[in-house]
Amino acid sequence: MAAPPGEVIDVSRLPTYGFGHRSLMWWGTIGLMLIEGTVFAIGIMSYFYLRGLAPRWPISADPPGLGWGTANTVLLLLSLLPNHLAKRAAEARQRRRAALWMVVCLVLAGAFLVLRALEFTTLNILWNENAYGAVVWFLLGLHTTHLITDTVDTAVLTVLLFTGPFDGRRHVDVSENAMYWYFVVFSWVPIYAVIYLAPRLQG
C-alpha cells in the first residue's frame, strides 16, 4: 500500500539479502548453469556426431583407462555431503561452521584437480591427433575449467569467512557456490559416461 503524500516508508528493518529465488545471485547462478549446461550438451552432441561419421571409434586409440576417471567420479559424488553441509550452515547464518565445511570442500577440490591431471595421462590420445582426440580433450578440458574456477571461488569465500571483510551477504555467496558445485558434479556424470563408457559400447 502506497504511503500518503508527504510521507515515506521506513524500510530500514527489511533484510538486505535473501536466499534462493529471493536473491539476484541465485538467478544469476541459474542463468550461468543453463548457459554452461548448453555448452556441455553441444560438446556431447559433437562427440556422437563425429562418432557417427567415423568407420571405427575410438579413432586410432584404445578407450581411456577407467582408473583415475572412476576414482575422481567417486570423489566428486562424495564431495556433495560437505558441500551440502556448508550450504546448510550458511543458510542458518552459522559463519564458523560454514567456514569449516568450506575448508573440507577446498581440500577435496584440490584432490579432484590432482586426479584430473592424472586422468589426462590415461586418455591414450592427444588432442591434436584426430577428431576423437579433439572432442575427448575438449569435454575433459571444459569440465576441468569449471573445476578450477569453482575451486578458486571456494578458496576466496573461505578466506573471507575466516578473515573478512564479512557481512551477511557472504552467507548467500556460500549458498550459491554450493549450488554451482552441484552443477559441476552432476554435469560430470554424463561426461564421464561419454568419455569412458561410450567407447566400450560398440554396437
N, C-alpha and C. Protein backbone atom coordinates (compact mmCIF):
# COMPACT_ATOMS: atom_id res chain seq x y z
N MET A 1 0.85 -1.19 0.00
CA MET A 1 0.00 0.00 0.00
C MET A 1 0.89 1.24 0.00
N ALA A 2 0.59 2.17 -0.91
CA ALA A 2 1.43 3.35 -1.04
C ALA A 2 1.26 4.27 0.17
N ALA A 3 2.35 4.94 0.50
CA ALA A 3 2.29 5.90 1.60
C ALA A 3 1.56 7.16 1.16
N PRO A 4 0.83 7.81 2.08
CA PRO A 4 0.16 9.07 1.74
C PRO A 4 1.17 10.10 1.28
N PRO A 5 0.72 11.08 0.48
CA PRO A 5 1.64 12.14 0.02
C PRO A 5 2.34 12.82 1.19
N GLY A 6 3.60 13.05 1.03
CA GLY A 6 4.37 13.72 2.06
C GLY A 6 4.95 12.78 3.09
N GLU A 7 4.61 11.49 3.04
CA GLU A 7 5.14 10.52 3.99
C GLU A 7 6.07 9.55 3.28
N VAL A 8 6.92 8.93 4.04
CA VAL A 8 7.87 7.95 3.49
C VAL A 8 7.67 6.62 4.20
N ILE A 9 8.09 5.57 3.54
CA ILE A 9 8.02 4.23 4.13
C ILE A 9 9.39 3.89 4.71
N ASP A 10 9.43 3.45 5.94
CA ASP A 10 10.67 3.05 6.59
C ASP A 10 11.00 1.61 6.21
N VAL A 11 12.06 1.44 5.42
CA VAL A 11 12.47 0.09 5.00
C VAL A 11 13.76 -0.33 5.70
N SER A 12 14.15 0.41 6.72
CA SER A 12 15.44 0.13 7.36
C SER A 12 15.48 -1.23 8.03
N ARG A 13 14.30 -1.77 8.38
CA ARG A 13 14.27 -3.06 9.06
C ARG A 13 14.14 -4.24 8.10
N LEU A 14 14.00 -3.96 6.83
CA LEU A 14 13.91 -5.05 5.87
C LEU A 14 15.28 -5.71 5.70
N PRO A 15 15.31 -7.02 5.45
CA PRO A 15 16.61 -7.70 5.25
C PRO A 15 17.31 -7.18 4.01
N THR A 16 18.62 -7.17 4.07
CA THR A 16 19.43 -6.68 2.94
C THR A 16 19.83 -7.80 1.99
N TYR A 17 19.47 -9.02 2.32
CA TYR A 17 19.80 -10.14 1.44
C TYR A 17 18.81 -11.26 1.69
N GLY A 18 18.76 -12.20 0.76
CA GLY A 18 17.87 -13.35 0.90
C GLY A 18 18.47 -14.55 0.20
N PHE A 19 17.92 -15.71 0.49
CA PHE A 19 18.42 -16.95 -0.11
C PHE A 19 17.45 -17.44 -1.19
N GLY A 20 17.96 -18.33 -2.03
CA GLY A 20 17.11 -18.93 -3.05
C GLY A 20 16.63 -17.90 -4.06
N HIS A 21 15.40 -18.05 -4.52
CA HIS A 21 14.88 -17.20 -5.60
C HIS A 21 14.71 -15.74 -5.16
N ARG A 22 14.86 -15.45 -3.87
CA ARG A 22 14.79 -14.07 -3.40
C ARG A 22 16.10 -13.31 -3.63
N SER A 23 17.10 -14.02 -4.11
CA SER A 23 18.42 -13.41 -4.32
C SER A 23 18.71 -13.26 -5.81
N LEU A 24 19.22 -12.10 -6.19
CA LEU A 24 19.65 -11.90 -7.58
C LEU A 24 20.80 -12.85 -7.92
N MET A 25 21.63 -13.13 -6.92
CA MET A 25 22.74 -14.06 -7.13
C MET A 25 22.22 -15.44 -7.55
N TRP A 26 21.11 -15.87 -6.96
CA TRP A 26 20.52 -17.17 -7.29
C TRP A 26 20.11 -17.20 -8.75
N TRP A 27 19.43 -16.14 -9.20
CA TRP A 27 19.00 -16.08 -10.60
C TRP A 27 20.20 -16.03 -11.55
N GLY A 28 21.23 -15.29 -11.16
CA GLY A 28 22.43 -15.24 -11.99
C GLY A 28 23.11 -16.59 -12.09
N THR A 29 23.16 -17.33 -10.96
CA THR A 29 23.77 -18.66 -10.97
C THR A 29 22.96 -19.62 -11.83
N ILE A 30 21.62 -19.54 -11.74
CA ILE A 30 20.76 -20.39 -12.57
C ILE A 30 21.03 -20.11 -14.05
N GLY A 31 21.10 -18.83 -14.41
CA GLY A 31 21.38 -18.48 -15.80
C GLY A 31 22.72 -18.99 -16.26
N LEU A 32 23.73 -18.87 -15.40
CA LEU A 32 25.06 -19.36 -15.74
C LEU A 32 25.04 -20.87 -15.96
N MET A 33 24.35 -21.60 -15.10
CA MET A 33 24.29 -23.05 -15.25
C MET A 33 23.56 -23.46 -16.53
N LEU A 34 22.52 -22.72 -16.90
CA LEU A 34 21.80 -23.02 -18.14
C LEU A 34 22.70 -22.81 -19.36
N ILE A 35 23.45 -21.71 -19.35
CA ILE A 35 24.36 -21.44 -20.47
C ILE A 35 25.45 -22.50 -20.55
N GLU A 36 26.08 -22.79 -19.42
CA GLU A 36 27.19 -23.75 -19.43
C GLU A 36 26.68 -25.17 -19.66
N GLY A 37 25.48 -25.49 -19.16
CA GLY A 37 24.90 -26.79 -19.45
C GLY A 37 24.65 -26.97 -20.93
N THR A 38 24.27 -25.90 -21.62
CA THR A 38 24.06 -25.95 -23.07
C THR A 38 25.37 -26.24 -23.79
N VAL A 39 26.45 -25.62 -23.32
CA VAL A 39 27.77 -25.87 -23.93
C VAL A 39 28.17 -27.33 -23.73
N PHE A 40 27.95 -27.87 -22.53
CA PHE A 40 28.23 -29.29 -22.30
C PHE A 40 27.41 -30.16 -23.26
N ALA A 41 26.14 -29.83 -23.42
CA ALA A 41 25.27 -30.62 -24.30
C ALA A 41 25.76 -30.56 -25.74
N ILE A 42 26.21 -29.39 -26.19
CA ILE A 42 26.74 -29.26 -27.55
C ILE A 42 28.00 -30.11 -27.71
N GLY A 43 28.85 -30.10 -26.68
CA GLY A 43 30.06 -30.93 -26.73
C GLY A 43 29.74 -32.40 -26.83
N ILE A 44 28.75 -32.87 -26.06
CA ILE A 44 28.35 -34.28 -26.11
C ILE A 44 27.74 -34.62 -27.46
N MET A 45 26.90 -33.74 -28.00
CA MET A 45 26.32 -33.98 -29.32
C MET A 45 27.40 -34.04 -30.40
N SER A 46 28.42 -33.18 -30.25
CA SER A 46 29.53 -33.21 -31.21
C SER A 46 30.26 -34.54 -31.17
N TYR A 47 30.42 -35.07 -29.95
CA TYR A 47 31.07 -36.38 -29.79
C TYR A 47 30.32 -37.43 -30.60
N PHE A 48 29.01 -37.52 -30.43
CA PHE A 48 28.24 -38.56 -31.10
C PHE A 48 28.08 -38.28 -32.60
N TYR A 49 28.11 -37.01 -32.98
CA TYR A 49 28.10 -36.69 -34.41
C TYR A 49 29.36 -37.21 -35.08
N LEU A 50 30.50 -36.95 -34.47
CA LEU A 50 31.77 -37.43 -35.03
C LEU A 50 31.85 -38.94 -34.99
N ARG A 51 31.32 -39.54 -33.94
CA ARG A 51 31.30 -40.99 -33.86
C ARG A 51 30.48 -41.60 -34.99
N GLY A 52 29.38 -40.95 -35.34
CA GLY A 52 28.55 -41.45 -36.43
C GLY A 52 29.22 -41.38 -37.79
N LEU A 53 30.18 -40.47 -37.94
CA LEU A 53 30.89 -40.33 -39.21
C LEU A 53 32.08 -41.26 -39.34
N ALA A 54 32.61 -41.70 -38.21
CA ALA A 54 33.85 -42.48 -38.22
C ALA A 54 33.56 -43.96 -38.47
N PRO A 55 34.37 -44.61 -39.30
CA PRO A 55 34.19 -46.05 -39.51
C PRO A 55 34.57 -46.88 -38.29
N ARG A 56 35.45 -46.34 -37.47
CA ARG A 56 35.87 -47.02 -36.25
C ARG A 56 35.96 -46.00 -35.13
N TRP A 57 35.53 -46.40 -33.95
CA TRP A 57 35.55 -45.48 -32.79
C TRP A 57 35.94 -46.23 -31.53
N PRO A 58 36.91 -45.75 -30.79
CA PRO A 58 37.73 -44.55 -30.98
C PRO A 58 38.62 -44.65 -32.22
N ILE A 59 38.99 -43.51 -32.75
CA ILE A 59 39.84 -43.47 -33.94
C ILE A 59 41.30 -43.64 -33.52
N SER A 60 41.91 -44.71 -33.97
CA SER A 60 43.35 -44.94 -33.77
C SER A 60 43.77 -44.86 -32.30
N ALA A 61 42.94 -45.37 -31.42
CA ALA A 61 43.28 -45.32 -29.99
C ALA A 61 42.45 -46.34 -29.23
N ASP A 62 42.97 -46.77 -28.09
CA ASP A 62 42.19 -47.59 -27.18
C ASP A 62 41.31 -46.68 -26.34
N PRO A 63 40.21 -47.21 -25.78
CA PRO A 63 39.40 -46.39 -24.88
C PRO A 63 40.22 -45.91 -23.69
N PRO A 64 39.88 -44.77 -23.12
CA PRO A 64 40.62 -44.25 -21.96
C PRO A 64 40.59 -45.23 -20.79
N GLY A 65 41.68 -45.24 -20.02
CA GLY A 65 41.71 -46.07 -18.83
C GLY A 65 40.67 -45.62 -17.81
N LEU A 66 40.07 -46.57 -17.13
CA LEU A 66 38.96 -46.27 -16.22
C LEU A 66 39.40 -45.81 -14.83
N GLY A 67 40.62 -46.12 -14.44
CA GLY A 67 41.02 -45.96 -13.04
C GLY A 67 40.86 -44.57 -12.47
N TRP A 68 41.61 -43.60 -13.01
CA TRP A 68 41.60 -42.26 -12.43
C TRP A 68 40.26 -41.56 -12.63
N GLY A 69 39.65 -41.77 -13.79
CA GLY A 69 38.35 -41.14 -14.05
C GLY A 69 37.28 -41.64 -13.09
N THR A 70 37.29 -42.94 -12.82
CA THR A 70 36.30 -43.51 -11.91
C THR A 70 36.57 -43.05 -10.47
N ALA A 71 37.84 -43.01 -10.08
CA ALA A 71 38.19 -42.54 -8.73
C ALA A 71 37.74 -41.09 -8.55
N ASN A 72 37.94 -40.27 -9.56
CA ASN A 72 37.54 -38.87 -9.47
C ASN A 72 36.02 -38.74 -9.40
N THR A 73 35.32 -39.60 -10.11
CA THR A 73 33.85 -39.56 -10.08
C THR A 73 33.34 -39.89 -8.69
N VAL A 74 33.91 -40.91 -8.07
CA VAL A 74 33.51 -41.28 -6.71
C VAL A 74 33.79 -40.13 -5.74
N LEU A 75 34.97 -39.51 -5.89
CA LEU A 75 35.33 -38.41 -5.00
C LEU A 75 34.42 -37.21 -5.20
N LEU A 76 34.06 -36.93 -6.44
CA LEU A 76 33.14 -35.84 -6.72
C LEU A 76 31.79 -36.07 -6.06
N LEU A 77 31.28 -37.28 -6.18
CA LEU A 77 29.99 -37.59 -5.58
C LEU A 77 30.05 -37.49 -4.06
N LEU A 78 31.15 -37.94 -3.46
CA LEU A 78 31.30 -37.83 -2.01
C LEU A 78 31.38 -36.38 -1.56
N SER A 79 31.89 -35.51 -2.42
CA SER A 79 32.03 -34.10 -2.06
C SER A 79 30.69 -33.40 -1.90
N LEU A 80 29.63 -34.02 -2.38
CA LEU A 80 28.31 -33.40 -2.24
C LEU A 80 27.92 -33.22 -0.77
N LEU A 81 28.37 -34.14 0.09
CA LEU A 81 27.99 -34.06 1.50
C LEU A 81 28.57 -32.83 2.19
N PRO A 82 29.91 -32.63 2.21
CA PRO A 82 30.41 -31.41 2.86
C PRO A 82 29.92 -30.14 2.18
N ASN A 83 29.73 -30.20 0.87
CA ASN A 83 29.20 -29.05 0.16
C ASN A 83 27.78 -28.71 0.65
N HIS A 84 26.96 -29.74 0.82
CA HIS A 84 25.59 -29.53 1.30
C HIS A 84 25.60 -29.01 2.74
N LEU A 85 26.50 -29.53 3.56
CA LEU A 85 26.59 -29.08 4.94
C LEU A 85 27.05 -27.62 5.03
N ALA A 86 27.95 -27.22 4.14
CA ALA A 86 28.36 -25.81 4.09
C ALA A 86 27.18 -24.93 3.71
N LYS A 87 26.39 -25.40 2.76
CA LYS A 87 25.21 -24.65 2.33
C LYS A 87 24.20 -24.49 3.47
N ARG A 88 23.94 -25.59 4.18
CA ARG A 88 23.00 -25.54 5.30
C ARG A 88 23.49 -24.59 6.40
N ALA A 89 24.79 -24.66 6.69
CA ALA A 89 25.35 -23.79 7.73
C ALA A 89 25.24 -22.33 7.32
N ALA A 90 25.51 -22.04 6.06
CA ALA A 90 25.42 -20.66 5.58
C ALA A 90 23.99 -20.14 5.68
N GLU A 91 23.03 -20.97 5.28
CA GLU A 91 21.64 -20.54 5.31
C GLU A 91 21.11 -20.42 6.74
N ALA A 92 21.78 -21.10 7.68
CA ALA A 92 21.45 -20.92 9.10
C ALA A 92 22.26 -19.79 9.73
N ARG A 93 23.08 -19.13 8.88
CA ARG A 93 23.93 -18.00 9.29
C ARG A 93 24.93 -18.41 10.36
N GLN A 94 25.46 -19.61 10.22
CA GLN A 94 26.49 -20.12 11.13
C GLN A 94 27.85 -19.96 10.44
N ARG A 95 28.42 -18.81 10.61
CA ARG A 95 29.63 -18.46 9.87
C ARG A 95 30.76 -19.45 10.11
N ARG A 96 31.06 -19.74 11.37
CA ARG A 96 32.20 -20.60 11.68
C ARG A 96 32.00 -22.01 11.13
N ARG A 97 30.81 -22.55 11.27
CA ARG A 97 30.54 -23.89 10.75
C ARG A 97 30.64 -23.91 9.23
N ALA A 98 30.10 -22.89 8.60
CA ALA A 98 30.19 -22.81 7.14
C ALA A 98 31.65 -22.73 6.70
N ALA A 99 32.45 -21.95 7.43
CA ALA A 99 33.86 -21.82 7.07
C ALA A 99 34.60 -23.16 7.17
N LEU A 100 34.30 -23.93 8.22
CA LEU A 100 34.98 -25.22 8.40
C LEU A 100 34.60 -26.20 7.29
N TRP A 101 33.33 -26.24 6.92
CA TRP A 101 32.93 -27.14 5.83
C TRP A 101 33.49 -26.66 4.49
N MET A 102 33.67 -25.38 4.35
CA MET A 102 34.28 -24.87 3.11
C MET A 102 35.74 -25.31 3.02
N VAL A 103 36.42 -25.40 4.15
CA VAL A 103 37.80 -25.90 4.14
C VAL A 103 37.81 -27.34 3.64
N VAL A 104 36.87 -28.15 4.13
CA VAL A 104 36.79 -29.55 3.67
C VAL A 104 36.54 -29.58 2.16
N CYS A 105 35.62 -28.74 1.69
CA CYS A 105 35.34 -28.68 0.25
C CYS A 105 36.58 -28.28 -0.54
N LEU A 106 37.34 -27.35 0.00
CA LEU A 106 38.54 -26.88 -0.69
C LEU A 106 39.60 -27.97 -0.77
N VAL A 107 39.77 -28.72 0.31
CA VAL A 107 40.74 -29.83 0.30
C VAL A 107 40.33 -30.88 -0.75
N LEU A 108 39.06 -31.21 -0.78
CA LEU A 108 38.57 -32.17 -1.77
C LEU A 108 38.74 -31.65 -3.18
N ALA A 109 38.49 -30.36 -3.38
CA ALA A 109 38.66 -29.78 -4.71
C ALA A 109 40.11 -29.90 -5.18
N GLY A 110 41.05 -29.68 -4.25
CA GLY A 110 42.46 -29.87 -4.61
C GLY A 110 42.75 -31.30 -5.02
N ALA A 111 42.16 -32.26 -4.30
CA ALA A 111 42.34 -33.67 -4.65
C ALA A 111 41.75 -33.98 -6.02
N PHE A 112 40.59 -33.37 -6.33
CA PHE A 112 39.97 -33.59 -7.64
C PHE A 112 40.91 -33.15 -8.75
N LEU A 113 41.52 -31.98 -8.55
CA LEU A 113 42.37 -31.44 -9.61
C LEU A 113 43.61 -32.30 -9.82
N VAL A 114 44.13 -32.88 -8.74
CA VAL A 114 45.26 -33.80 -8.89
C VAL A 114 44.84 -35.03 -9.69
N LEU A 115 43.69 -35.60 -9.33
CA LEU A 115 43.19 -36.76 -10.06
C LEU A 115 42.87 -36.41 -11.51
N ARG A 116 42.35 -35.21 -11.72
CA ARG A 116 42.04 -34.79 -13.09
C ARG A 116 43.31 -34.71 -13.95
N ALA A 117 44.39 -34.22 -13.36
CA ALA A 117 45.66 -34.18 -14.09
C ALA A 117 46.09 -35.60 -14.48
N LEU A 118 45.86 -36.55 -13.57
CA LEU A 118 46.19 -37.94 -13.88
C LEU A 118 45.25 -38.51 -14.94
N GLU A 119 44.02 -38.06 -14.96
CA GLU A 119 43.07 -38.52 -15.99
C GLU A 119 43.59 -38.21 -17.38
N PHE A 120 44.14 -37.03 -17.55
CA PHE A 120 44.63 -36.64 -18.88
C PHE A 120 45.72 -37.58 -19.38
N THR A 121 46.43 -38.23 -18.46
CA THR A 121 47.52 -39.13 -18.87
C THR A 121 46.99 -40.49 -19.32
N THR A 122 45.70 -40.78 -19.13
CA THR A 122 45.17 -42.11 -19.46
C THR A 122 44.18 -42.07 -20.62
N LEU A 123 44.15 -40.96 -21.36
CA LEU A 123 43.21 -40.86 -22.48
C LEU A 123 43.68 -41.64 -23.70
N ASN A 124 44.95 -41.99 -23.73
CA ASN A 124 45.53 -42.80 -24.83
C ASN A 124 45.53 -42.08 -26.17
N ILE A 125 45.39 -40.77 -26.15
CA ILE A 125 45.43 -39.99 -27.38
C ILE A 125 45.66 -38.53 -27.03
N LEU A 126 46.27 -37.77 -27.93
CA LEU A 126 46.47 -36.35 -27.74
C LEU A 126 45.36 -35.57 -28.45
N TRP A 127 45.19 -34.34 -28.04
CA TRP A 127 44.09 -33.53 -28.56
C TRP A 127 44.21 -33.24 -30.06
N ASN A 128 45.46 -33.23 -30.59
CA ASN A 128 45.66 -32.84 -31.98
C ASN A 128 45.88 -34.01 -32.92
N GLU A 129 45.59 -35.25 -32.49
CA GLU A 129 45.84 -36.40 -33.35
C GLU A 129 44.70 -36.63 -34.34
N ASN A 130 43.47 -36.49 -33.90
CA ASN A 130 42.33 -36.69 -34.79
C ASN A 130 41.07 -36.12 -34.11
N ALA A 131 39.93 -36.30 -34.78
CA ALA A 131 38.67 -35.74 -34.27
C ALA A 131 38.29 -36.35 -32.93
N TYR A 132 38.54 -37.64 -32.76
CA TYR A 132 38.22 -38.29 -31.49
C TYR A 132 39.02 -37.67 -30.35
N GLY A 133 40.33 -37.53 -30.56
CA GLY A 133 41.16 -36.92 -29.53
C GLY A 133 40.74 -35.50 -29.22
N ALA A 134 40.38 -34.75 -30.24
CA ALA A 134 39.99 -33.35 -30.04
C ALA A 134 38.73 -33.24 -29.19
N VAL A 135 37.71 -34.05 -29.47
CA VAL A 135 36.45 -33.91 -28.75
C VAL A 135 36.57 -34.44 -27.32
N VAL A 136 37.38 -35.49 -27.11
CA VAL A 136 37.57 -36.00 -25.76
C VAL A 136 38.33 -34.99 -24.90
N TRP A 137 39.38 -34.42 -25.44
CA TRP A 137 40.12 -33.41 -24.69
C TRP A 137 39.27 -32.16 -24.46
N PHE A 138 38.43 -31.83 -25.43
CA PHE A 138 37.54 -30.68 -25.25
C PHE A 138 36.59 -30.90 -24.08
N LEU A 139 35.93 -32.07 -24.03
CA LEU A 139 34.98 -32.35 -22.96
C LEU A 139 35.67 -32.36 -21.59
N LEU A 140 36.81 -33.04 -21.51
CA LEU A 140 37.51 -33.12 -20.23
C LEU A 140 38.08 -31.75 -19.84
N GLY A 141 38.60 -31.03 -20.82
CA GLY A 141 39.15 -29.70 -20.53
C GLY A 141 38.08 -28.71 -20.12
N LEU A 142 36.90 -28.80 -20.75
CA LEU A 142 35.81 -27.90 -20.41
C LEU A 142 35.37 -28.11 -18.96
N HIS A 143 35.21 -29.36 -18.57
CA HIS A 143 34.81 -29.63 -17.20
C HIS A 143 35.91 -29.26 -16.21
N THR A 144 37.16 -29.46 -16.61
CA THR A 144 38.28 -29.08 -15.74
C THR A 144 38.28 -27.57 -15.49
N THR A 145 37.95 -26.80 -16.52
CA THR A 145 37.86 -25.34 -16.35
C THR A 145 36.84 -24.99 -15.27
N HIS A 146 35.71 -25.69 -15.26
CA HIS A 146 34.70 -25.45 -14.24
C HIS A 146 35.22 -25.84 -12.85
N LEU A 147 35.95 -26.95 -12.78
CA LEU A 147 36.54 -27.35 -11.51
C LEU A 147 37.49 -26.28 -10.97
N ILE A 148 38.32 -25.76 -11.85
CA ILE A 148 39.32 -24.77 -11.44
C ILE A 148 38.64 -23.49 -10.98
N THR A 149 37.69 -22.99 -11.77
CA THR A 149 37.05 -21.72 -11.41
C THR A 149 36.28 -21.85 -10.10
N ASP A 150 35.60 -22.97 -9.89
CA ASP A 150 34.85 -23.11 -8.64
C ASP A 150 35.79 -23.33 -7.46
N THR A 151 36.93 -23.96 -7.69
CA THR A 151 37.92 -24.10 -6.61
C THR A 151 38.45 -22.74 -6.19
N VAL A 152 38.74 -21.88 -7.17
CA VAL A 152 39.21 -20.53 -6.85
C VAL A 152 38.13 -19.76 -6.09
N ASP A 153 36.88 -19.86 -6.55
CA ASP A 153 35.78 -19.18 -5.87
C ASP A 153 35.62 -19.69 -4.44
N THR A 154 35.74 -21.00 -4.25
CA THR A 154 35.64 -21.58 -2.91
C THR A 154 36.77 -21.09 -2.02
N ALA A 155 37.97 -21.00 -2.58
CA ALA A 155 39.12 -20.52 -1.79
C ALA A 155 38.91 -19.08 -1.34
N VAL A 156 38.44 -18.23 -2.24
CA VAL A 156 38.22 -16.82 -1.89
C VAL A 156 37.15 -16.70 -0.80
N LEU A 157 36.05 -17.43 -0.97
CA LEU A 157 34.98 -17.38 0.03
C LEU A 157 35.46 -17.90 1.39
N THR A 158 36.27 -18.94 1.37
CA THR A 158 36.78 -19.50 2.63
C THR A 158 37.63 -18.48 3.37
N VAL A 159 38.51 -17.80 2.65
CA VAL A 159 39.34 -16.77 3.26
C VAL A 159 38.47 -15.66 3.85
N LEU A 160 37.46 -15.23 3.11
CA LEU A 160 36.58 -14.16 3.59
C LEU A 160 35.80 -14.59 4.83
N LEU A 161 35.39 -15.86 4.87
CA LEU A 161 34.65 -16.34 6.04
C LEU A 161 35.52 -16.31 7.30
N PHE A 162 36.79 -16.60 7.13
CA PHE A 162 37.69 -16.63 8.30
C PHE A 162 38.22 -15.24 8.67
N THR A 163 38.48 -14.40 7.66
CA THR A 163 39.21 -13.16 7.93
C THR A 163 38.42 -11.90 7.65
N GLY A 164 37.41 -11.98 6.78
CA GLY A 164 36.68 -10.78 6.39
C GLY A 164 37.38 -10.08 5.23
N PRO A 165 36.82 -8.94 4.74
CA PRO A 165 35.62 -8.30 5.28
C PRO A 165 34.40 -9.21 5.15
N PHE A 166 33.51 -9.11 6.15
CA PHE A 166 32.38 -10.03 6.19
C PHE A 166 31.08 -9.28 6.49
N ASP A 167 30.04 -9.64 5.74
CA ASP A 167 28.70 -9.24 6.12
C ASP A 167 27.77 -10.40 5.77
N GLY A 168 26.50 -10.27 6.10
CA GLY A 168 25.57 -11.38 5.95
C GLY A 168 25.45 -11.90 4.54
N ARG A 169 25.73 -11.04 3.56
CA ARG A 169 25.61 -11.48 2.17
C ARG A 169 26.62 -12.55 1.81
N ARG A 170 27.67 -12.69 2.59
CA ARG A 170 28.63 -13.77 2.35
C ARG A 170 27.95 -15.14 2.53
N HIS A 171 26.97 -15.22 3.41
CA HIS A 171 26.22 -16.47 3.55
C HIS A 171 25.51 -16.83 2.25
N VAL A 172 24.99 -15.83 1.57
CA VAL A 172 24.35 -16.06 0.27
C VAL A 172 25.39 -16.56 -0.74
N ASP A 173 26.57 -15.96 -0.71
CA ASP A 173 27.63 -16.38 -1.63
C ASP A 173 27.98 -17.86 -1.43
N VAL A 174 28.08 -18.27 -0.17
CA VAL A 174 28.39 -19.68 0.13
C VAL A 174 27.27 -20.58 -0.38
N SER A 175 26.04 -20.18 -0.16
CA SER A 175 24.90 -20.98 -0.60
C SER A 175 24.89 -21.14 -2.12
N GLU A 176 25.13 -20.05 -2.83
CA GLU A 176 25.12 -20.12 -4.31
C GLU A 176 26.35 -20.86 -4.83
N ASN A 177 27.48 -20.73 -4.13
CA ASN A 177 28.66 -21.50 -4.51
C ASN A 177 28.38 -23.00 -4.39
N ALA A 178 27.65 -23.38 -3.35
CA ALA A 178 27.30 -24.79 -3.16
C ALA A 178 26.38 -25.26 -4.28
N MET A 179 25.42 -24.42 -4.65
CA MET A 179 24.51 -24.80 -5.72
C MET A 179 25.26 -24.99 -7.03
N TYR A 180 26.24 -24.14 -7.29
CA TYR A 180 27.03 -24.29 -8.51
C TYR A 180 27.87 -25.56 -8.47
N TRP A 181 28.34 -25.93 -7.27
CA TRP A 181 29.10 -27.18 -7.15
C TRP A 181 28.23 -28.39 -7.47
N TYR A 182 26.94 -28.33 -7.09
CA TYR A 182 26.03 -29.40 -7.50
C TYR A 182 26.05 -29.55 -9.02
N PHE A 183 26.01 -28.42 -9.69
CA PHE A 183 26.03 -28.44 -11.16
C PHE A 183 27.32 -29.05 -11.68
N VAL A 184 28.45 -28.66 -11.11
CA VAL A 184 29.75 -29.19 -11.55
C VAL A 184 29.80 -30.71 -11.39
N VAL A 185 29.28 -31.21 -10.27
CA VAL A 185 29.31 -32.65 -10.00
C VAL A 185 28.37 -33.39 -10.94
N PHE A 186 27.12 -32.96 -11.00
CA PHE A 186 26.14 -33.71 -11.77
C PHE A 186 26.34 -33.58 -13.28
N SER A 187 26.94 -32.48 -13.72
CA SER A 187 27.26 -32.37 -15.16
C SER A 187 28.37 -33.33 -15.55
N TRP A 188 29.19 -33.73 -14.57
CA TRP A 188 30.28 -34.66 -14.86
C TRP A 188 29.77 -36.06 -15.16
N VAL A 189 28.65 -36.46 -14.59
CA VAL A 189 28.16 -37.84 -14.74
C VAL A 189 27.95 -38.20 -16.21
N PRO A 190 27.20 -37.41 -17.01
CA PRO A 190 27.07 -37.78 -18.43
C PRO A 190 28.38 -37.65 -19.21
N ILE A 191 29.23 -36.69 -18.81
CA ILE A 191 30.51 -36.56 -19.50
C ILE A 191 31.38 -37.78 -19.23
N TYR A 192 31.37 -38.26 -17.99
CA TYR A 192 32.10 -39.49 -17.67
C TYR A 192 31.60 -40.64 -18.52
N ALA A 193 30.29 -40.77 -18.65
CA ALA A 193 29.72 -41.86 -19.44
C ALA A 193 30.16 -41.77 -20.90
N VAL A 194 30.21 -40.56 -21.43
CA VAL A 194 30.60 -40.37 -22.82
C VAL A 194 32.08 -40.70 -23.03
N ILE A 195 32.93 -40.17 -22.16
CA ILE A 195 34.37 -40.36 -22.35
C ILE A 195 34.82 -41.77 -22.07
N TYR A 196 34.31 -42.36 -20.99
CA TYR A 196 34.85 -43.63 -20.53
C TYR A 196 34.01 -44.85 -20.89
N LEU A 197 32.71 -44.71 -20.99
CA LEU A 197 31.85 -45.87 -21.24
C LEU A 197 31.45 -46.00 -22.70
N ALA A 198 31.14 -44.89 -23.34
CA ALA A 198 30.68 -44.94 -24.74
C ALA A 198 31.67 -45.65 -25.67
N PRO A 199 33.00 -45.42 -25.54
CA PRO A 199 33.92 -46.12 -26.44
C PRO A 199 33.93 -47.65 -26.24
N ARG A 200 33.44 -48.10 -25.10
CA ARG A 200 33.41 -49.54 -24.81
C ARG A 200 32.09 -50.18 -25.20
N LEU A 201 31.14 -49.39 -25.68
CA LEU A 201 29.82 -49.92 -26.02
C LEU A 201 29.63 -49.87 -27.54
N GLN A 202 30.44 -50.59 -28.22
CA GLN A 202 30.32 -50.66 -29.68
C GLN A 202 29.17 -51.58 -30.05
N GLY A 203 28.36 -51.14 -31.01
CA GLY A 203 27.21 -51.96 -31.43
C GLY A 203 27.62 -53.19 -32.22
